[in-house]
C-alpha atoms as a PDB file:
ATOM      1  CA  MET A   1     160.144  93.780 417.767  1.00  0.00           C
ATOM      2  CA  ILE A   2     163.525  92.961 419.489  1.00  0.00           C
ATOM      3  CA  GLY A   3     164.368  90.402 416.724  1.00  0.00           C
ATOM      4  CA  ALA A   4     163.731  93.361 414.272  1.00  0.00           C
ATOM      5  CA  ALA A   5     165.569  95.618 415.938  1.00  0.00           C
ATOM      6  CA  ILE A   6     168.662  93.571 416.005  1.00  0.00           C
ATOM      7  CA  PHE A   7     168.776  92.264 412.571  1.00  0.00           C
ATOM      8  CA  SER A   8     168.688  96.170 411.631  1.00  0.00           C
ATOM      9  CA  LEU A   9     171.058  97.174 413.509  1.00  0.00           C
ATOM     10  CA  THR A  10     173.353  94.327 412.342  1.00  0.00           C
ATOM     11  CA  ALA A  11     172.236  94.906 409.098  1.00  0.00           C
ATOM     12  CA  LEU A  12     172.991  98.678 409.007  1.00  0.00           C
ATOM     13  CA  GLY A  13     176.705  97.519 410.892  1.00  0.00           C
ATOM     14  CA  ALA A  14     177.320  95.327 408.398  1.00  0.00           C
ATOM     15  CA  ALA A  15     177.033  97.693 405.295  1.00  0.00           C
ATOM     16  CA  LEU A  16     178.825 100.686 406.900  1.00  0.00           C
ATOM     17  CA  GLY A  17     181.845  98.097 407.779  1.00  0.00           C
ATOM     18  CA  MET A  18     181.899  97.066 404.054  1.00  0.00           C
ATOM     19  CA  LEU A  19     181.469 101.025 403.164  1.00  0.00           C
ATOM     20  CA  LEU A  20     184.552 102.073 405.295  1.00  0.00           C
ATOM     21  CA  GLY A  21     186.100  99.456 404.150  1.00  0.00           C
ATOM     22  CA  LEU A  22     185.627  99.987 400.400  1.00  0.00           C
ATOM     23  CA  ALA A  23     186.141 104.118 401.384  1.00  0.00           C
ATOM     24  CA  GLY A  24     189.499 102.523 402.688  1.00  0.00           C
ATOM     25  CA  LYS A  25     190.650 100.901 399.291  1.00  0.00           C
ATOM     26  CA  LEU A  26     189.362 103.540 396.886  1.00  0.00           C
ATOM     27  CA  PHE A  27     191.172 106.611 398.869  1.00  0.00           C
ATOM     28  CA  ARG A  28     194.096 105.038 399.811  1.00  0.00           C
ATOM     29  CA  VAL A  29     197.128 107.357 400.011  1.00  0.00           C
ATOM     30  CA  GLU A  30     200.630 105.553 399.379  1.00  0.00           C
ATOM     31  CA  SER A  31     203.173 106.384 401.191  1.00  0.00           C
ATOM     32  CA  ASP A  32     206.897 106.562 399.956  1.00  0.00           C
ATOM     33  CA  PRO A  33     208.303 103.328 401.167  1.00  0.00           C
ATOM     34  CA  LEU A  34     211.551 104.444 401.782  1.00  0.00           C
ATOM     35  CA  LEU A  35     210.081 106.728 404.461  1.00  0.00           C
ATOM     36  CA  ASP A  36     208.284 103.908 406.101  1.00  0.00           C
ATOM     37  CA  GLU A  37     212.179 102.482 406.223  1.00  0.00           C
ATOM     38  CA  VAL A  38     213.728 105.192 408.342  1.00  0.00           C
ATOM     39  CA  GLU A  39     210.873 106.145 410.413  1.00  0.00           C
ATOM     40  CA  GLN A  40     210.871 102.404 411.724  1.00  0.00           C
ATOM     41  CA  LEU A  41     214.717 102.485 412.563  1.00  0.00           C
ATOM     42  CA  PHE A  42     214.235 105.623 414.992  1.00  0.00           C
ATOM     43  CA  PRO A  43     213.368 104.769 418.511  1.00  0.00           C
ATOM     44  CA  GLY A  44     209.728 105.439 418.129  1.00  0.00           C
ATOM     45  CA  SER A  45     209.425 106.896 421.614  1.00  0.00           C
ATOM     46  CA  GLN A  46     208.145 110.458 420.039  1.00  0.00           C
ATOM     47  CA  CYS A  47     209.942 112.428 422.675  1.00  0.00           C
ATOM     48  CA  GLY A  48     210.692 115.209 420.710  1.00  0.00           C
ATOM     49  CA  GLN A  49     214.082 116.162 421.885  1.00  0.00           C
ATOM     50  CA  CYS A  50     215.076 116.200 417.655  1.00  0.00           C
ATOM     51  CA  GLY A  51     212.678 119.584 417.680  1.00  0.00           C
ATOM     52  CA  PHE A  52     210.322 117.537 415.940  1.00  0.00           C
ATOM     53  CA  PRO A  53     206.870 116.534 417.305  1.00  0.00           C
ATOM     54  CA  GLY A  54     207.072 113.085 416.656  1.00  0.00           C
ATOM     55  CA  CYS A  55     209.289 110.186 415.139  1.00  0.00           C
ATOM     56  CA  ARG A  56     207.562 110.555 411.601  1.00  0.00           C
ATOM     57  CA  PRO A  57     207.925 114.581 411.261  1.00  0.00           C
ATOM     58  CA  ALA A  58     212.044 113.828 411.994  1.00  0.00           C
ATOM     59  CA  ALA A  59     211.656 110.738 409.206  1.00  0.00           C
ATOM     60  CA  GLU A  60     210.574 113.003 406.740  1.00  0.00           C
ATOM     61  CA  ALA A  61     212.941 115.833 407.560  1.00  0.00           C
ATOM     62  CA  VAL A  62     216.216 113.630 407.305  1.00  0.00           C
ATOM     63  CA  VAL A  63     214.376 112.046 403.957  1.00  0.00           C
ATOM     64  CA  SER A  64     214.196 115.268 402.415  1.00  0.00           C
ATOM     65  CA  SER A  65     218.028 116.839 403.893  1.00  0.00           C
ATOM     66  CA  ARG A  66     215.537 119.518 406.237  1.00  0.00           C
ATOM     67  CA  ALA A  67     217.806 118.170 408.885  1.00  0.00           C
ATOM     68  CA  PRO A  68     220.821 115.945 409.686  1.00  0.00           C
ATOM     69  CA  VAL A  69     221.239 112.697 410.003  1.00  0.00           C
ATOM     70  CA  THR A  70     222.607 112.790 413.711  1.00  0.00           C
ATOM     71  CA  LEU A  71     219.344 114.579 414.705  1.00  0.00           C
ATOM     72  CA  CYS A  72     218.156 112.300 417.100  1.00  0.00           C
ATOM     73  CA  PRO A  73     219.549 111.893 420.524  1.00  0.00           C
ATOM     74  CA  PRO A  74     218.121 108.645 422.292  1.00  0.00           C
ATOM     75  CA  GLY A  75     219.504 107.325 418.788  1.00  0.00           C
ATOM     76  CA  GLY A  76     222.677 108.382 419.166  1.00  0.00           C
ATOM     77  CA  ARG A  77     225.768 107.199 417.246  1.00  0.00           C
ATOM     78  CA  ALA A  78     224.032 104.087 416.261  1.00  0.00           C
ATOM     79  CA  LEU A  79     220.812 105.181 414.281  1.00  0.00           C
ATOM     80  CA  ALA A  80     222.686 108.008 412.660  1.00  0.00           C
ATOM     81  CA  GLU A  81     225.516 105.399 411.170  1.00  0.00           C
ATOM     82  CA  LYS A  82     222.275 103.607 410.070  1.00  0.00           C
ATOM     83  CA  LEU A  83     220.549 106.662 408.510  1.00  0.00           C
ATOM     84  CA  ALA A  84     223.437 106.927 406.574  1.00  0.00           C
ATOM     85  CA  SER A  85     223.797 103.879 404.830  1.00  0.00           C
ATOM     86  CA  LYS A  86     220.083 103.565 404.474  1.00  0.00           C
ATOM     87  CA  LEU A  87     220.224 107.089 402.704  1.00  0.00           C
ATOM     88  CA  ASN A  88     223.758 106.602 401.018  1.00  0.00           C
ATOM     89  CA  ILE A  89     225.002 109.984 402.737  1.00  0.00           C
ATOM     90  CA  ALA A  90     229.148 110.294 403.617  1.00  0.00           C
ATOM     91  CA  VAL A  91     228.730 112.211 407.020  1.00  0.00           C
ATOM     92  CA  ASN A  92     231.077 112.639 409.322  1.00  0.00           C
ATOM     93  CA  LEU A  93     230.712 110.765 413.022  1.00  0.00           C
ATOM     94  CA  ALA A  94     234.188 111.690 414.302  1.00  0.00           C
ATOM     95  CA  ASN A  95     232.748 114.185 416.749  1.00  0.00           C
ATOM     96  CA  LEU A  96     229.628 112.857 417.433  1.00  0.00           C
ATOM     97  CA  GLN A  97     229.557 111.694 420.736  1.00  0.00           C
ATOM     98  CA  ASP A  98     226.828 109.567 422.447  1.00  0.00           C
ATOM     99  CA  ALA A  99     225.605 111.523 425.409  1.00  0.00           C
ATOM    100  CA  PRO A 100     225.429 109.512 428.782  1.00  0.00           C
ATOM    101  CA  ARG A 101     222.074 108.104 429.619  1.00  0.00           C
ATOM    102  CA  GLN A 102     220.370 109.823 431.463  1.00  0.00           C
ATOM    103  CA  LEU A 103     216.722 108.863 433.491  1.00  0.00           C
ATOM    104  CA  ALA A 104     214.436 111.293 435.651  1.00  0.00           C
ATOM    105  CA  ARG A 105     214.408 110.485 439.527  1.00  0.00           C
ATOM    106  CA  VAL A 106     211.678 111.685 441.430  1.00  0.00           C
ATOM    107  CA  ARG A 107     212.751 112.988 444.524  1.00  0.00           C
ATOM    108  CA  GLU A 108     209.729 111.400 447.007  1.00  0.00           C
ATOM    109  CA  GLU A 109     210.464 113.784 449.809  1.00  0.00           C
ATOM    110  CA  THR A 110     209.152 116.617 448.219  1.00  0.00           C
ATOM    111  CA  CYS A 111     206.772 115.508 445.219  1.00  0.00           C
ATOM    112  CA  ILE A 112     203.489 117.028 446.248  1.00  0.00           C
ATOM    113  CA  GLY A 113     201.707 114.292 443.320  1.00  0.00           C
ATOM    114  CA  CYS A 114     200.214 117.127 441.434  1.00  0.00           C
ATOM    115  CA  THR A 115     200.118 114.819 438.104  1.00  0.00           C
ATOM    116  CA  ARG A 116     201.421 117.539 435.773  1.00  0.00           C
ATOM    117  CA  CYS A 117     204.675 115.450 434.682  1.00  0.00           C
ATOM    118  CA  PHE A 118     203.486 112.313 433.589  1.00  0.00           C
ATOM    119  CA  LYS A 119     200.687 114.370 431.383  1.00  0.00           C
ATOM    120  CA  VAL A 120     203.746 115.817 429.441  1.00  0.00           C
ATOM    121  CA  CYS A 121     205.926 112.413 429.494  1.00  0.00           C
ATOM    122  CA  PRO A 122     206.020 111.513 425.994  1.00  0.00           C
ATOM    123  CA  THR A 123     206.541 107.693 426.668  1.00  0.00           C
ATOM    124  CA  ASP A 124     204.474 107.210 429.773  1.00  0.00           C
ATOM    125  CA  ALA A 125     207.417 106.606 432.277  1.00  0.00           C
ATOM    126  CA  ILE A 126     206.051 108.310 434.952  1.00  0.00           C
ATOM    127  CA  VAL A 127     203.027 107.124 436.821  1.00  0.00           C
ATOM    128  CA  GLY A 128     201.606 108.305 439.807  1.00  0.00           C
ATOM    129  CA  ALA A 129     197.748 109.851 441.240  1.00  0.00           C
ATOM    130  CA  PRO A 130     196.882 112.684 442.051  1.00  0.00           C
ATOM    131  CA  LYS A 131     198.329 113.854 445.675  1.00  0.00           C
ATOM    132  CA  GLN A 132     200.373 110.586 445.628  1.00  0.00           C
ATOM    133  CA  ILE A 133     204.194 110.111 445.546  1.00  0.00           C
ATOM    134  CA  HIS A 134     205.018 109.414 441.089  1.00  0.00           C
ATOM    135  CA  PHE A 135     207.467 106.763 440.347  1.00  0.00           C
ATOM    136  CA  VAL A 136     209.822 106.976 436.831  1.00  0.00           C
ATOM    137  CA  ILE A 137     209.375 103.544 435.159  1.00  0.00           C
ATOM    138  CA  SER A 138     213.400 103.233 433.921  1.00  0.00           C
ATOM    139  CA  GLU A 139     213.251 101.089 431.507  1.00  0.00           C
ATOM    140  CA  ALA A 140     210.775 103.682 429.510  1.00  0.00           C
ATOM    141  CA  CYS A 141     212.539 107.111 429.914  1.00  0.00           C
ATOM    142  CA  THR A 142     214.152 108.514 427.420  1.00  0.00           C
ATOM    143  CA  GLY A 143     215.909 111.294 429.890  1.00  0.00           C
ATOM    144  CA  CYS A 144     214.156 114.109 427.804  1.00  0.00           C
ATOM    145  CA  GLY A 145     213.376 116.739 430.367  1.00  0.00           C
ATOM    146  CA  ASN A 146     210.089 117.287 429.679  1.00  0.00           C
ATOM    147  CA  CYS A 147     208.847 116.476 433.175  1.00  0.00           C
ATOM    148  CA  LEU A 148     211.597 119.416 434.543  1.00  0.00           C
ATOM    149  CA  ASP A 149     210.114 122.213 433.039  1.00  0.00           C
ATOM    150  CA  VAL A 150     206.751 121.587 434.793  1.00  0.00           C
ATOM    151  CA  CYS A 151     207.159 120.525 438.414  1.00  0.00           C
ATOM    152  CA  PRO A 152     206.466 123.127 440.402  1.00  0.00           C
ATOM    153  CA  THR A 153     208.264 121.818 443.344  1.00  0.00           C
ATOM    154  CA  GLU A 154     211.686 120.789 441.543  1.00  0.00           C
ATOM    155  CA  CYS A 155     211.434 116.875 442.614  1.00  0.00           C
ATOM    156  CA  LEU A 156     212.435 115.925 439.346  1.00  0.00           C
ATOM    157  CA  ALA A 157     216.541 115.508 438.137  1.00  0.00           C
ATOM    158  CA  LEU A 158     217.859 113.674 435.511  1.00  0.00           C
ATOM    159  CA  THR A 159     220.629 111.520 436.750  1.00  0.00           C
ATOM    160  CA  ALA A 160     222.775 108.813 435.601  1.00  0.00           C
ATOM    161  CA  PRO A 161     220.839 105.379 435.310  1.00  0.00           C
ATOM    162  CA  ARG A 162     221.604 102.692 438.257  1.00  0.00           C
ATOM    163  CA  LEU A 163     224.014  99.907 437.677  1.00  0.00           C
ATOM    164  CA  HIS A 164     222.346  96.659 437.882  1.00  0.00           C
ATOM    165  CA  LEU A 165     224.156  93.217 437.285  1.00  0.00           C
ATOM    166  CA  LYS A 166     222.518  92.999 433.825  1.00  0.00           C
ATOM    167  CA  ASP A 167     224.088  96.316 432.942  1.00  0.00           C
ATOM    168  CA  TRP A 168     227.616  95.423 434.654  1.00  0.00           C
ATOM    169  CA  ARG A 169     230.524  95.527 432.440  1.00  0.00           C
ATOM    170  CA  TRP A 170     233.758  94.655 433.357  1.00  0.00           C
ATOM    171  CA  HIS A 171     236.126  97.861 432.567  1.00  0.00           C
ATOM    172  CA  LYS A 172     239.226  97.112 430.181  1.00  0.00           C
ATOM    173  CA  PRO A 173     242.679  97.351 431.850  1.00  0.00           C
ATOM    174  CA  ARG A 174     244.554 100.077 430.999  1.00  0.00           C
ATOM    175  CA  LEU A 175     248.119  98.853 429.495  1.00  0.00           C
ATOM    176  CA  GLU A 176     250.957 100.494 431.271  1.00  0.00           C
ATOM    177  CA  PRO A 177     254.254  99.743 430.573  1.00  0.00           C
ATOM    178  CA  VAL A 178     256.167  97.171 431.981  1.00  0.00           C
ATOM    179  CA  CYS A 179     259.299  98.586 433.712  1.00  0.00           C
ATOM    180  CA  THR A 180     262.284  96.117 433.440  1.00  0.00           C
END
């Protein structure tokens, strides 16, 4: 009895797997290779700062010329230059300034652990549990600000990232005229 059940479920699984594989080949929708390449240039964080629900719709808008190549704040100037060269578009980036990087920070003294913030975080940068203090993973945070809008205690704020040894850069000295 058990052998017949195992055999029938295995046969059914194999038949349905082959049917799905065949359907995948027959009904495959070819996508635009340029669109796929442009989507790969985007950061992939799906943060929505550009006004689109994700990087794929933003790439579609850029390829179809419905949006400028400068639409992605996390990508900044470097992404705009890559998109312009990929799409052979002449764009003036002289006025485009990269915004300083912002990260969400939790003020622990006012966090009540309501879990609203990490439910709206597109990159899962906020971790925590109900009725416990939350924490922001700085490597994953894009600074989109979605968490600020839903926090009932206003314990979240966007701040400049903390300077660590791996991020520190020596500042260029200013050239001053030598008095003779």
